[in-house]
Amino acid sequence: MACPEGFRAFVDANLTGLGVWLSSQDAGFLHVGHPDWSLPPDAIDEVWLDFVGGCGWGVIMRDKMIRRRPRERAMLEKHRMTAVVIATRRNMDFAQQQNLVREYWDVLDDTLRGGRAGLFHLTTSGIRLMEAF
């Protein structure tokens, strides 16, 4: 399966609303349901992570436990991905997620464009590297 061109980050299915909004603001973001996304919406995490990583894109997700899931983590490490986890103490609704991304847009964008391999947490305090690969 060929990688669509022009993208730098994929937004996980559990953040589809945020992904739709991000792709409307910046053409570099891809999400489940986007016309250029070719995997099924219910693709298992290691499959879509392998595809996204193989395309050289970063990822935005909500899965704080990814550090402890060997198959998913292996895909992050294999492709030396930049993974940004929205890691707030409580679940945020779409408007709160949108506000968080707006507040830290510059550092989020720099993180994804920088291609630094690692797991980053985006919280109400900003973005922090949790673990480098």
N, C-alpha and C. Protein backbone atom coordinates (compact mmCIF):
# COMPACT_ATOMS: atom_id res chain seq x y z
N MET A 1 0.84 -1.16 0.00
CA MET A 1 0.00 0.00 0.00
C MET A 1 0.90 1.24 0.00
N ALA A 2 0.66 2.12 -0.92
CA ALA A 2 1.49 3.33 -1.06
C ALA A 2 1.07 4.40 -0.05
N CYS A 3 2.05 5.17 0.35
CA CYS A 3 1.80 6.27 1.30
C CYS A 3 1.31 7.50 0.52
N PRO A 4 0.18 8.07 0.93
CA PRO A 4 -0.23 9.32 0.30
C PRO A 4 0.79 10.41 0.62
N GLU A 5 1.01 11.30 -0.30
CA GLU A 5 2.02 12.35 -0.12
C GLU A 5 1.44 13.59 0.55
N GLY A 6 2.33 14.35 1.18
CA GLY A 6 1.96 15.64 1.73
C GLY A 6 1.54 15.63 3.19
N PHE A 7 1.63 14.48 3.85
CA PHE A 7 1.20 14.40 5.24
C PHE A 7 2.41 14.27 6.16
N ARG A 8 2.27 14.74 7.40
CA ARG A 8 3.33 14.60 8.39
C ARG A 8 2.87 13.94 9.67
N ALA A 9 1.54 13.83 9.86
CA ALA A 9 1.05 13.21 11.09
C ALA A 9 -0.32 12.59 10.88
N PHE A 10 -0.55 11.51 11.61
CA PHE A 10 -1.83 10.82 11.63
C PHE A 10 -2.44 11.01 13.01
N VAL A 11 -3.74 11.27 13.05
CA VAL A 11 -4.45 11.41 14.31
C VAL A 11 -5.28 10.14 14.51
N ASP A 12 -5.03 9.44 15.62
CA ASP A 12 -5.65 8.16 15.93
C ASP A 12 -7.18 8.25 15.90
N ALA A 13 -7.80 7.11 15.63
CA ALA A 13 -9.26 7.04 15.51
C ALA A 13 -9.99 7.48 16.77
N ASN A 14 -9.37 7.30 17.94
CA ASN A 14 -10.08 7.72 19.15
C ASN A 14 -10.05 9.24 19.35
N LEU A 15 -9.45 9.94 18.40
CA LEU A 15 -9.44 11.41 18.38
C LEU A 15 -9.93 11.92 17.01
N THR A 16 -10.88 11.22 16.42
CA THR A 16 -11.31 11.55 15.06
C THR A 16 -11.80 12.98 14.94
N GLY A 17 -12.57 13.47 15.89
CA GLY A 17 -13.04 14.86 15.83
C GLY A 17 -11.89 15.83 15.77
N LEU A 18 -10.88 15.59 16.59
CA LEU A 18 -9.70 16.43 16.58
C LEU A 18 -8.96 16.30 15.26
N GLY A 19 -8.89 15.08 14.73
CA GLY A 19 -8.23 14.85 13.44
C GLY A 19 -8.91 15.58 12.30
N VAL A 20 -10.23 15.55 12.30
CA VAL A 20 -11.00 16.26 11.25
C VAL A 20 -10.71 17.75 11.36
N TRP A 21 -10.76 18.28 12.57
CA TRP A 21 -10.49 19.70 12.76
C TRP A 21 -9.06 20.06 12.35
N LEU A 22 -8.07 19.25 12.81
CA LEU A 22 -6.67 19.54 12.44
C LEU A 22 -6.47 19.52 10.94
N SER A 23 -7.06 18.54 10.26
CA SER A 23 -6.87 18.46 8.80
C SER A 23 -7.56 19.62 8.09
N SER A 24 -8.58 20.21 8.71
CA SER A 24 -9.21 21.39 8.09
C SER A 24 -8.37 22.65 8.30
N GLN A 25 -7.49 22.62 9.31
CA GLN A 25 -6.63 23.75 9.62
C GLN A 25 -5.27 23.65 8.93
N ASP A 26 -4.83 22.40 8.71
CA ASP A 26 -3.48 22.15 8.19
C ASP A 26 -3.52 20.87 7.37
N ALA A 27 -3.21 20.96 6.11
CA ALA A 27 -3.31 19.82 5.19
C ALA A 27 -2.33 18.69 5.51
N GLY A 28 -1.44 18.88 6.46
CA GLY A 28 -0.46 17.86 6.81
C GLY A 28 -0.98 16.77 7.73
N PHE A 29 -2.24 16.87 8.15
CA PHE A 29 -2.80 15.90 9.10
C PHE A 29 -3.79 14.97 8.41
N LEU A 30 -3.69 13.72 8.78
CA LEU A 30 -4.53 12.66 8.21
C LEU A 30 -5.26 11.99 9.37
N HIS A 31 -6.45 11.49 9.12
CA HIS A 31 -7.25 10.82 10.15
C HIS A 31 -8.10 9.74 9.50
N VAL A 32 -8.63 8.85 10.33
CA VAL A 32 -9.56 7.84 9.85
C VAL A 32 -10.75 8.58 9.25
N GLY A 33 -11.16 8.18 8.06
CA GLY A 33 -12.26 8.84 7.37
C GLY A 33 -11.79 9.88 6.35
N HIS A 34 -10.54 10.27 6.42
CA HIS A 34 -9.98 11.21 5.43
C HIS A 34 -9.96 10.50 4.08
N PRO A 35 -10.24 11.21 2.99
CA PRO A 35 -10.26 10.57 1.67
C PRO A 35 -8.95 9.85 1.30
N ASP A 36 -7.82 10.29 1.85
CA ASP A 36 -6.54 9.65 1.52
C ASP A 36 -6.17 8.51 2.46
N TRP A 37 -6.97 8.25 3.48
CA TRP A 37 -6.68 7.17 4.42
C TRP A 37 -7.23 5.86 3.86
N SER A 38 -6.36 4.86 3.70
CA SER A 38 -6.78 3.65 3.01
C SER A 38 -7.01 2.44 3.91
N LEU A 39 -6.60 2.49 5.16
CA LEU A 39 -6.83 1.35 6.05
C LEU A 39 -8.25 1.38 6.59
N PRO A 40 -8.76 0.20 6.98
CA PRO A 40 -10.11 0.19 7.55
C PRO A 40 -10.15 0.94 8.88
N PRO A 41 -11.30 1.51 9.23
CA PRO A 41 -11.41 2.28 10.46
C PRO A 41 -11.10 1.46 11.72
N ASP A 42 -11.30 0.15 11.64
CA ASP A 42 -11.08 -0.70 12.81
C ASP A 42 -9.75 -1.46 12.74
N ALA A 43 -8.81 -0.98 11.94
CA ALA A 43 -7.50 -1.64 11.85
C ALA A 43 -6.86 -1.68 13.24
N ILE A 44 -6.25 -2.80 13.56
CA ILE A 44 -5.63 -2.91 14.89
C ILE A 44 -4.41 -1.99 14.96
N ASP A 45 -4.12 -1.59 16.19
CA ASP A 45 -3.10 -0.56 16.41
C ASP A 45 -1.76 -0.87 15.76
N GLU A 46 -1.26 -2.09 15.92
CA GLU A 46 0.07 -2.34 15.35
C GLU A 46 0.07 -2.29 13.83
N VAL A 47 -1.07 -2.56 13.19
CA VAL A 47 -1.15 -2.48 11.73
C VAL A 47 -1.09 -1.02 11.28
N TRP A 48 -1.94 -0.16 11.85
CA TRP A 48 -1.92 1.23 11.39
C TRP A 48 -0.65 1.94 11.84
N LEU A 49 -0.10 1.58 13.02
CA LEU A 49 1.17 2.17 13.45
C LEU A 49 2.30 1.79 12.50
N ASP A 50 2.30 0.54 12.03
CA ASP A 50 3.32 0.10 11.08
C ASP A 50 3.19 0.88 9.77
N PHE A 51 1.97 1.08 9.29
CA PHE A 51 1.75 1.84 8.07
C PHE A 51 2.18 3.30 8.24
N VAL A 52 1.70 3.93 9.31
CA VAL A 52 2.02 5.34 9.57
C VAL A 52 3.53 5.53 9.73
N GLY A 53 4.15 4.64 10.50
CA GLY A 53 5.60 4.72 10.69
C GLY A 53 6.36 4.50 9.40
N GLY A 54 5.90 3.56 8.59
CA GLY A 54 6.53 3.30 7.31
C GLY A 54 6.44 4.48 6.36
N CYS A 55 5.43 5.30 6.54
CA CYS A 55 5.27 6.52 5.73
C CYS A 55 6.13 7.66 6.26
N GLY A 56 6.69 7.48 7.45
CA GLY A 56 7.54 8.51 8.04
C GLY A 56 6.77 9.61 8.76
N TRP A 57 5.53 9.34 9.13
CA TRP A 57 4.70 10.33 9.79
C TRP A 57 4.78 10.18 11.30
N GLY A 58 4.43 11.26 11.99
CA GLY A 58 4.23 11.20 13.43
C GLY A 58 2.79 10.81 13.70
N VAL A 59 2.46 10.68 14.98
CA VAL A 59 1.11 10.30 15.36
C VAL A 59 0.69 11.09 16.60
N ILE A 60 -0.60 11.43 16.62
CA ILE A 60 -1.22 12.00 17.81
C ILE A 60 -2.25 10.99 18.28
N MET A 61 -2.19 10.65 19.56
CA MET A 61 -3.08 9.63 20.11
C MET A 61 -3.47 9.97 21.53
N ARG A 62 -4.31 9.15 22.10
CA ARG A 62 -4.75 9.34 23.48
C ARG A 62 -4.33 8.18 24.37
N ASP A 63 -3.68 7.19 23.83
CA ASP A 63 -3.36 5.94 24.52
C ASP A 63 -2.13 6.09 25.42
N LYS A 64 -2.35 6.43 26.68
CA LYS A 64 -1.23 6.59 27.63
C LYS A 64 -0.54 5.26 27.92
N MET A 65 -1.22 4.15 27.72
CA MET A 65 -0.66 2.84 28.05
C MET A 65 0.21 2.26 26.93
N ILE A 66 0.41 2.98 25.86
CA ILE A 66 1.17 2.44 24.73
C ILE A 66 2.58 2.02 25.14
N ARG A 67 3.13 2.68 26.15
CA ARG A 67 4.47 2.33 26.63
C ARG A 67 4.53 0.90 27.13
N ARG A 68 3.41 0.36 27.55
CA ARG A 68 3.37 -0.98 28.15
C ARG A 68 2.75 -2.03 27.23
N ARG A 69 2.50 -1.68 26.00
CA ARG A 69 1.93 -2.62 25.03
C ARG A 69 3.03 -3.00 24.04
N PRO A 70 3.60 -4.18 24.19
CA PRO A 70 4.80 -4.54 23.43
C PRO A 70 4.66 -4.43 21.91
N ARG A 71 3.56 -4.86 21.33
CA ARG A 71 3.44 -4.84 19.86
C ARG A 71 3.32 -3.43 19.32
N GLU A 72 2.53 -2.59 19.99
CA GLU A 72 2.39 -1.21 19.54
C GLU A 72 3.69 -0.44 19.75
N ARG A 73 4.29 -0.63 20.91
CA ARG A 73 5.54 0.04 21.21
C ARG A 73 6.63 -0.37 20.22
N ALA A 74 6.62 -1.63 19.83
CA ALA A 74 7.61 -2.13 18.86
C ALA A 74 7.49 -1.37 17.53
N MET A 75 6.28 -1.03 17.12
CA MET A 75 6.11 -0.27 15.88
C MET A 75 6.68 1.14 16.03
N LEU A 76 6.46 1.76 17.17
CA LEU A 76 7.03 3.10 17.41
C LEU A 76 8.55 3.05 17.32
N GLU A 77 9.12 2.05 17.96
CA GLU A 77 10.59 1.92 17.97
C GLU A 77 11.13 1.53 16.60
N LYS A 78 10.47 0.58 15.95
CA LYS A 78 10.91 0.12 14.62
C LYS A 78 11.04 1.28 13.64
N HIS A 79 10.06 2.17 13.66
CA HIS A 79 10.04 3.28 12.71
C HIS A 79 10.59 4.58 13.29
N ARG A 80 11.06 4.51 14.54
CA ARG A 80 11.60 5.70 15.22
C ARG A 80 10.63 6.88 15.07
N MET A 81 9.39 6.61 15.47
CA MET A 81 8.31 7.57 15.29
C MET A 81 8.31 8.66 16.36
N THR A 82 7.69 9.76 16.01
CA THR A 82 7.34 10.81 16.95
C THR A 82 5.88 10.57 17.33
N ALA A 83 5.64 10.21 18.58
CA ALA A 83 4.28 9.93 19.05
C ALA A 83 3.92 10.93 20.14
N VAL A 84 2.85 11.68 19.92
CA VAL A 84 2.38 12.64 20.90
C VAL A 84 1.08 12.10 21.49
N VAL A 85 1.09 11.90 22.80
CA VAL A 85 -0.07 11.37 23.52
C VAL A 85 -0.73 12.53 24.27
N ILE A 86 -2.02 12.72 24.03
CA ILE A 86 -2.77 13.68 24.84
C ILE A 86 -3.00 12.98 26.17
N ALA A 87 -2.25 13.41 27.17
CA ALA A 87 -2.16 12.68 28.44
C ALA A 87 -2.62 13.53 29.62
N THR A 88 -3.85 13.94 29.56
CA THR A 88 -4.39 14.74 30.65
C THR A 88 -4.99 13.82 31.71
N ARG A 89 -5.14 14.32 32.90
CA ARG A 89 -5.65 13.50 34.02
C ARG A 89 -7.09 13.07 33.80
N ARG A 90 -7.85 13.87 33.12
CA ARG A 90 -9.24 13.52 32.86
C ARG A 90 -9.48 13.53 31.35
N ASN A 91 -10.48 12.78 30.93
CA ASN A 91 -10.81 12.77 29.51
C ASN A 91 -11.35 14.14 29.12
N MET A 92 -10.89 14.61 27.98
CA MET A 92 -11.32 15.91 27.48
C MET A 92 -12.33 15.72 26.37
N ASP A 93 -13.30 16.62 26.31
CA ASP A 93 -14.21 16.60 25.17
C ASP A 93 -13.51 17.30 24.00
N PHE A 94 -14.18 17.32 22.86
CA PHE A 94 -13.56 17.88 21.66
C PHE A 94 -13.11 19.32 21.86
N ALA A 95 -13.97 20.16 22.43
CA ALA A 95 -13.62 21.57 22.61
C ALA A 95 -12.39 21.73 23.50
N GLN A 96 -12.27 20.91 24.52
CA GLN A 96 -11.10 20.97 25.40
C GLN A 96 -9.84 20.51 24.67
N GLN A 97 -9.97 19.45 23.86
CA GLN A 97 -8.83 18.97 23.07
C GLN A 97 -8.39 20.06 22.09
N GLN A 98 -9.35 20.66 21.44
CA GLN A 98 -9.08 21.73 20.47
C GLN A 98 -8.36 22.89 21.16
N ASN A 99 -8.83 23.30 22.31
CA ASN A 99 -8.19 24.39 23.06
C ASN A 99 -6.77 24.03 23.47
N LEU A 100 -6.56 22.79 23.90
CA LEU A 100 -5.23 22.34 24.29
C LEU A 100 -4.27 22.40 23.10
N VAL A 101 -4.72 21.92 21.96
CA VAL A 101 -3.88 21.94 20.76
C VAL A 101 -3.61 23.39 20.33
N ARG A 102 -4.61 24.22 20.37
CA ARG A 102 -4.40 25.64 20.02
C ARG A 102 -3.36 26.29 20.95
N GLU A 103 -3.49 26.02 22.24
CA GLU A 103 -2.59 26.63 23.21
C GLU A 103 -1.13 26.24 22.98
N TYR A 104 -0.91 24.99 22.60
CA TYR A 104 0.46 24.50 22.42
C TYR A 104 0.79 24.19 20.97
N TRP A 105 0.08 24.85 20.04
CA TRP A 105 0.26 24.57 18.62
C TRP A 105 1.72 24.68 18.17
N ASP A 106 2.39 25.75 18.52
CA ASP A 106 3.76 25.96 18.02
C ASP A 106 4.69 24.83 18.45
N VAL A 107 4.64 24.44 19.70
CA VAL A 107 5.54 23.38 20.16
C VAL A 107 5.08 22.01 19.64
N LEU A 108 3.79 21.80 19.50
CA LEU A 108 3.28 20.54 18.92
C LEU A 108 3.74 20.42 17.48
N ASP A 109 3.56 21.47 16.70
CA ASP A 109 3.97 21.46 15.30
C ASP A 109 5.48 21.25 15.18
N ASP A 110 6.26 21.96 16.01
CA ASP A 110 7.72 21.78 15.99
C ASP A 110 8.11 20.35 16.34
N THR A 111 7.42 19.77 17.30
CA THR A 111 7.71 18.39 17.71
C THR A 111 7.45 17.42 16.56
N LEU A 112 6.32 17.56 15.90
CA LEU A 112 5.98 16.67 14.79
C LEU A 112 6.89 16.90 13.59
N ARG A 113 7.24 18.12 13.31
CA ARG A 113 8.11 18.42 12.17
C ARG A 113 9.56 18.03 12.45
N GLY A 114 9.93 18.05 13.73
CA GLY A 114 11.32 17.77 14.09
C GLY A 114 11.74 16.33 13.88
N GLY A 115 10.77 15.43 13.86
CA GLY A 115 11.09 14.03 13.60
C GLY A 115 11.90 13.36 14.70
N ARG A 116 11.87 13.91 15.89
CA ARG A 116 12.62 13.31 17.00
C ARG A 116 11.88 12.06 17.47
N ALA A 117 12.56 10.93 17.43
CA ALA A 117 11.93 9.67 17.80
C ALA A 117 11.69 9.62 19.30
N GLY A 118 10.45 9.42 19.67
CA GLY A 118 10.15 9.32 21.08
C GLY A 118 8.67 9.45 21.36
N LEU A 119 8.37 9.23 22.62
CA LEU A 119 7.01 9.34 23.12
C LEU A 119 6.89 10.63 23.92
N PHE A 120 6.03 11.51 23.46
CA PHE A 120 5.83 12.81 24.08
C PHE A 120 4.43 12.86 24.69
N HIS A 121 4.31 13.53 25.81
CA HIS A 121 3.00 13.76 26.41
C HIS A 121 2.63 15.22 26.24
N LEU A 122 1.41 15.45 25.75
CA LEU A 122 0.84 16.79 25.68
C LEU A 122 -0.15 16.89 26.82
N THR A 123 0.12 17.79 27.76
CA THR A 123 -0.75 17.99 28.91
C THR A 123 -1.11 19.47 28.99
N THR A 124 -1.84 19.83 30.00
CA THR A 124 -2.20 21.23 30.19
C THR A 124 -0.98 22.07 30.56
N SER A 125 0.15 21.42 30.80
CA SER A 125 1.41 22.13 31.09
C SER A 125 2.33 22.22 29.88
N GLY A 126 1.95 21.62 28.76
CA GLY A 126 2.77 21.66 27.55
C GLY A 126 3.15 20.27 27.08
N ILE A 127 4.22 20.21 26.26
CA ILE A 127 4.69 18.94 25.72
C ILE A 127 6.00 18.58 26.40
N ARG A 128 6.09 17.31 26.77
CA ARG A 128 7.29 16.83 27.45
C ARG A 128 7.68 15.47 26.87
N LEU A 129 8.96 15.30 26.61
CA LEU A 129 9.47 13.99 26.16
C LEU A 129 9.43 13.04 27.34
N MET A 130 8.72 11.94 27.17
CA MET A 130 8.64 10.92 28.23
C MET A 130 9.70 9.86 28.03
N GLU A 131 9.96 9.55 26.76
CA GLU A 131 10.91 8.47 26.47
C GLU A 131 11.39 8.60 25.02
N ALA A 132 12.70 8.60 24.85
CA ALA A 132 13.28 8.63 23.50
C ALA A 132 13.47 7.20 23.03
N PHE A 133 13.43 6.98 21.72
CA PHE A 133 13.66 5.65 21.15
C PHE A 133 15.02 5.62 20.51
